Amino acid sequence: MYQSQAGLLKEIDEIRKKMISAARETGYTSEETVRYSQELDQLILDYQTLRMVPSLQREKGKHLINQLGLIEKKKKIWLSA
């Protein structure tokens, strides 16, 4: 998997250009065009996944903070009993 969105976007653009070129030269349904199309699909999926990671990490962080808050509340209740 790619470490940066910029690197992945560059690869997406390169494969897109190759796919368009292959489609013009060999047709839209040629093996070469379809192969590039499938590779492009995977790269786009990788890009979308890479973009989601920070959002998912933020959500996990919020959940963890909420859990810690609940633990502290339970701890205070237990200590006051």
N, C-alpha and C. Protein backbone atom coordinates (compact mmCIF):
# COMPACT_ATOMS: atom_id res chain seq x y z
N MET A 1 0.84 -1.18 0.00
CA MET A 1 0.00 0.00 0.00
C MET A 1 0.89 1.25 0.00
N TYR A 2 0.39 2.32 -0.53
CA TYR A 2 1.13 3.56 -0.65
C TYR A 2 1.18 4.30 0.68
N GLN A 3 2.27 5.00 0.91
CA GLN A 3 2.45 5.75 2.14
C GLN A 3 1.85 7.15 2.05
N SER A 4 1.69 7.66 0.84
CA SER A 4 1.16 9.02 0.72
C SER A 4 0.07 9.07 -0.34
N GLN A 5 -0.84 9.98 -0.12
CA GLN A 5 -1.92 10.18 -1.10
C GLN A 5 -1.36 10.73 -2.40
N ALA A 6 -0.35 11.58 -2.31
CA ALA A 6 0.23 12.18 -3.51
C ALA A 6 0.84 11.13 -4.42
N GLY A 7 1.58 10.18 -3.85
CA GLY A 7 2.17 9.10 -4.65
C GLY A 7 1.12 8.24 -5.31
N LEU A 8 0.08 7.96 -4.57
CA LEU A 8 -1.01 7.15 -5.12
C LEU A 8 -1.75 7.89 -6.22
N LEU A 9 -1.99 9.18 -6.03
CA LEU A 9 -2.65 9.96 -7.08
C LEU A 9 -1.83 10.01 -8.36
N LYS A 10 -0.52 10.09 -8.20
CA LYS A 10 0.36 10.09 -9.37
C LYS A 10 0.25 8.77 -10.12
N GLU A 11 0.25 7.67 -9.38
CA GLU A 11 0.11 6.34 -10.00
C GLU A 11 -1.26 6.19 -10.68
N ILE A 12 -2.31 6.69 -10.04
CA ILE A 12 -3.65 6.65 -10.63
C ILE A 12 -3.65 7.39 -11.96
N ASP A 13 -3.05 8.56 -11.99
CA ASP A 13 -3.01 9.36 -13.22
C ASP A 13 -2.24 8.64 -14.33
N GLU A 14 -1.12 8.01 -13.97
CA GLU A 14 -0.32 7.29 -14.97
C GLU A 14 -1.10 6.11 -15.56
N ILE A 15 -1.75 5.34 -14.71
CA ILE A 15 -2.51 4.18 -15.19
C ILE A 15 -3.72 4.64 -16.00
N ARG A 16 -4.35 5.74 -15.58
CA ARG A 16 -5.49 6.27 -16.34
C ARG A 16 -5.06 6.64 -17.75
N LYS A 17 -3.90 7.29 -17.88
CA LYS A 17 -3.39 7.66 -19.20
C LYS A 17 -3.10 6.43 -20.05
N LYS A 18 -2.50 5.41 -19.43
CA LYS A 18 -2.22 4.16 -20.16
C LYS A 18 -3.51 3.49 -20.61
N MET A 19 -4.52 3.51 -19.74
CA MET A 19 -5.80 2.89 -20.08
C MET A 19 -6.45 3.61 -21.27
N ILE A 20 -6.43 4.93 -21.24
CA ILE A 20 -7.02 5.71 -22.33
C ILE A 20 -6.28 5.43 -23.64
N SER A 21 -4.97 5.40 -23.55
CA SER A 21 -4.15 5.12 -24.74
C SER A 21 -4.45 3.72 -25.28
N ALA A 22 -4.53 2.75 -24.38
CA ALA A 22 -4.83 1.38 -24.81
C ALA A 22 -6.21 1.30 -25.44
N ALA A 23 -7.18 2.00 -24.88
CA ALA A 23 -8.53 1.98 -25.41
C ALA A 23 -8.57 2.57 -26.82
N ARG A 24 -7.81 3.62 -27.04
CA ARG A 24 -7.76 4.24 -28.37
C ARG A 24 -7.08 3.33 -29.40
N GLU A 25 -6.02 2.63 -28.94
CA GLU A 25 -5.25 1.81 -29.87
C GLU A 25 -5.84 0.41 -30.08
N THR A 26 -6.37 -0.17 -29.02
CA THR A 26 -6.80 -1.57 -29.13
C THR A 26 -8.28 -1.79 -28.88
N GLY A 27 -9.00 -0.74 -28.53
CA GLY A 27 -10.44 -0.84 -28.30
C GLY A 27 -10.77 -0.89 -26.81
N TYR A 28 -12.01 -0.54 -26.53
CA TYR A 28 -12.46 -0.44 -25.14
C TYR A 28 -12.55 -1.79 -24.44
N THR A 29 -12.73 -2.84 -25.18
CA THR A 29 -12.91 -4.16 -24.56
C THR A 29 -11.68 -5.05 -24.73
N SER A 30 -10.58 -4.49 -25.19
CA SER A 30 -9.38 -5.31 -25.37
C SER A 30 -8.85 -5.75 -24.00
N GLU A 31 -8.09 -6.83 -24.03
CA GLU A 31 -7.51 -7.37 -22.80
C GLU A 31 -6.65 -6.32 -22.09
N GLU A 32 -5.86 -5.61 -22.85
CA GLU A 32 -4.97 -4.60 -22.28
C GLU A 32 -5.76 -3.47 -21.61
N THR A 33 -6.79 -2.98 -22.27
CA THR A 33 -7.61 -1.90 -21.71
C THR A 33 -8.31 -2.36 -20.44
N VAL A 34 -8.87 -3.55 -20.48
CA VAL A 34 -9.57 -4.09 -19.31
C VAL A 34 -8.60 -4.27 -18.15
N ARG A 35 -7.39 -4.73 -18.43
CA ARG A 35 -6.38 -4.93 -17.38
C ARG A 35 -6.04 -3.59 -16.72
N TYR A 36 -5.84 -2.56 -17.54
CA TYR A 36 -5.56 -1.23 -16.98
C TYR A 36 -6.77 -0.71 -16.19
N SER A 37 -7.94 -0.96 -16.69
CA SER A 37 -9.15 -0.53 -16.00
C SER A 37 -9.26 -1.19 -14.62
N GLN A 38 -8.98 -2.48 -14.57
CA GLN A 38 -9.03 -3.19 -13.29
C GLN A 38 -7.95 -2.70 -12.33
N GLU A 39 -6.78 -2.43 -12.86
CA GLU A 39 -5.69 -1.89 -12.03
C GLU A 39 -6.08 -0.51 -11.50
N LEU A 40 -6.68 0.28 -12.35
CA LEU A 40 -7.13 1.61 -11.95
C LEU A 40 -8.20 1.52 -10.86
N ASP A 41 -9.12 0.60 -11.02
CA ASP A 41 -10.16 0.39 -10.00
C ASP A 41 -9.52 0.09 -8.64
N GLN A 42 -8.53 -0.78 -8.63
CA GLN A 42 -7.86 -1.15 -7.37
C GLN A 42 -7.13 0.05 -6.77
N LEU A 43 -6.47 0.82 -7.62
CA LEU A 43 -5.74 2.00 -7.12
C LEU A 43 -6.71 3.03 -6.53
N ILE A 44 -7.85 3.21 -7.18
CA ILE A 44 -8.85 4.15 -6.66
C ILE A 44 -9.40 3.66 -5.33
N LEU A 45 -9.64 2.37 -5.21
CA LEU A 45 -10.09 1.80 -3.95
C LEU A 45 -9.03 2.01 -2.86
N ASP A 46 -7.76 1.78 -3.21
CA ASP A 46 -6.66 2.02 -2.27
C ASP A 46 -6.64 3.47 -1.82
N TYR A 47 -6.85 4.39 -2.77
CA TYR A 47 -6.85 5.82 -2.45
C TYR A 47 -7.99 6.16 -1.49
N GLN A 48 -9.17 5.64 -1.78
CA GLN A 48 -10.32 5.90 -0.91
C GLN A 48 -10.07 5.34 0.49
N THR A 49 -9.47 4.16 0.56
CA THR A 49 -9.15 3.55 1.85
C THR A 49 -8.13 4.39 2.60
N LEU A 50 -7.10 4.85 1.90
CA LEU A 50 -6.07 5.67 2.51
C LEU A 50 -6.66 6.97 3.06
N ARG A 51 -7.60 7.53 2.34
CA ARG A 51 -8.23 8.77 2.80
C ARG A 51 -9.11 8.54 4.02
N MET A 52 -9.65 7.34 4.16
CA MET A 52 -10.54 7.03 5.28
C MET A 52 -9.77 6.81 6.58
N VAL A 53 -8.54 6.40 6.51
CA VAL A 53 -7.77 6.03 7.71
C VAL A 53 -7.75 7.15 8.75
N PRO A 54 -7.40 8.39 8.40
CA PRO A 54 -7.40 9.44 9.44
C PRO A 54 -8.77 9.63 10.08
N SER A 55 -9.81 9.54 9.29
CA SER A 55 -11.17 9.69 9.81
C SER A 55 -11.49 8.57 10.79
N LEU A 56 -11.13 7.35 10.43
CA LEU A 56 -11.37 6.21 11.31
C LEU A 56 -10.56 6.32 12.59
N GLN A 57 -9.33 6.81 12.47
CA GLN A 57 -8.49 6.98 13.65
C GLN A 57 -9.10 8.03 14.60
N ARG A 58 -9.64 9.10 14.03
CA ARG A 58 -10.28 10.12 14.86
C ARG A 58 -11.47 9.53 15.61
N GLU A 59 -12.28 8.72 14.90
CA GLU A 59 -13.44 8.10 15.53
C GLU A 59 -13.01 7.15 16.64
N LYS A 60 -11.96 6.37 16.40
CA LYS A 60 -11.46 5.47 17.43
C LYS A 60 -10.97 6.27 18.63
N GLY A 61 -10.29 7.38 18.36
CA GLY A 61 -9.80 8.24 19.44
C GLY A 61 -10.94 8.80 20.28
N LYS A 62 -12.00 9.25 19.62
CA LYS A 62 -13.16 9.78 20.34
C LYS A 62 -13.78 8.69 21.20
N HIS A 63 -13.90 7.50 20.65
CA HIS A 63 -14.48 6.37 21.38
C HIS A 63 -13.61 6.05 22.60
N LEU A 64 -12.30 6.03 22.42
CA LEU A 64 -11.38 5.73 23.51
C LEU A 64 -11.49 6.78 24.62
N ILE A 65 -11.57 8.05 24.23
CA ILE A 65 -11.71 9.11 25.23
C ILE A 65 -13.02 8.95 26.00
N ASN A 66 -14.09 8.61 25.30
CA ASN A 66 -15.37 8.37 25.97
C ASN A 66 -15.26 7.21 26.95
N GLN A 67 -14.60 6.14 26.54
CA GLN A 67 -14.43 4.97 27.41
C GLN A 67 -13.62 5.34 28.65
N LEU A 68 -12.56 6.13 28.45
CA LEU A 68 -11.75 6.55 29.60
C LEU A 68 -12.56 7.40 30.56
N GLY A 69 -13.41 8.25 30.02
CA GLY A 69 -14.28 9.08 30.85
C GLY A 69 -15.22 8.22 31.68
N LEU A 70 -15.77 7.18 31.09
CA LEU A 70 -16.66 6.28 31.82
C LEU A 70 -15.90 5.53 32.91
N ILE A 71 -14.69 5.14 32.62
CA ILE A 71 -13.88 4.43 33.62
C ILE A 71 -13.62 5.34 34.81
N GLU A 72 -13.28 6.60 34.53
CA GLU A 72 -13.03 7.55 35.61
C GLU A 72 -14.28 7.76 36.46
N LYS A 73 -15.44 7.86 35.82
CA LYS A 73 -16.70 8.04 36.56
C LYS A 73 -16.96 6.84 37.45
N LYS A 74 -16.77 5.63 36.91
CA LYS A 74 -16.98 4.41 37.70
C LYS A 74 -15.99 4.35 38.86
N LYS A 75 -14.77 4.78 38.60
CA LYS A 75 -13.74 4.77 39.63
C LYS A 75 -14.12 5.71 40.78
N LYS A 76 -14.62 6.91 40.46
CA LYS A 76 -15.05 7.86 41.49
C LYS A 76 -16.21 7.30 42.29
N ILE A 77 -17.16 6.67 41.61
CA ILE A 77 -18.31 6.09 42.30
C ILE A 77 -17.85 4.98 43.23
N TRP A 78 -16.96 4.14 42.74
CA TRP A 78 -16.47 3.03 43.54
C TRP A 78 -15.69 3.51 44.76
N LEU A 79 -14.85 4.55 44.56
CA LEU A 79 -14.06 5.07 45.66
C LEU A 79 -14.91 5.80 46.71
N SER A 80 -16.01 6.39 46.28
CA SER A 80 -16.87 7.11 47.22
C SER A 80 -17.81 6.18 47.98
N ALA A 81 -17.91 4.95 47.56
CA ALA A 81 -18.83 4.00 48.21
C ALA A 81 -18.27 3.43 49.48
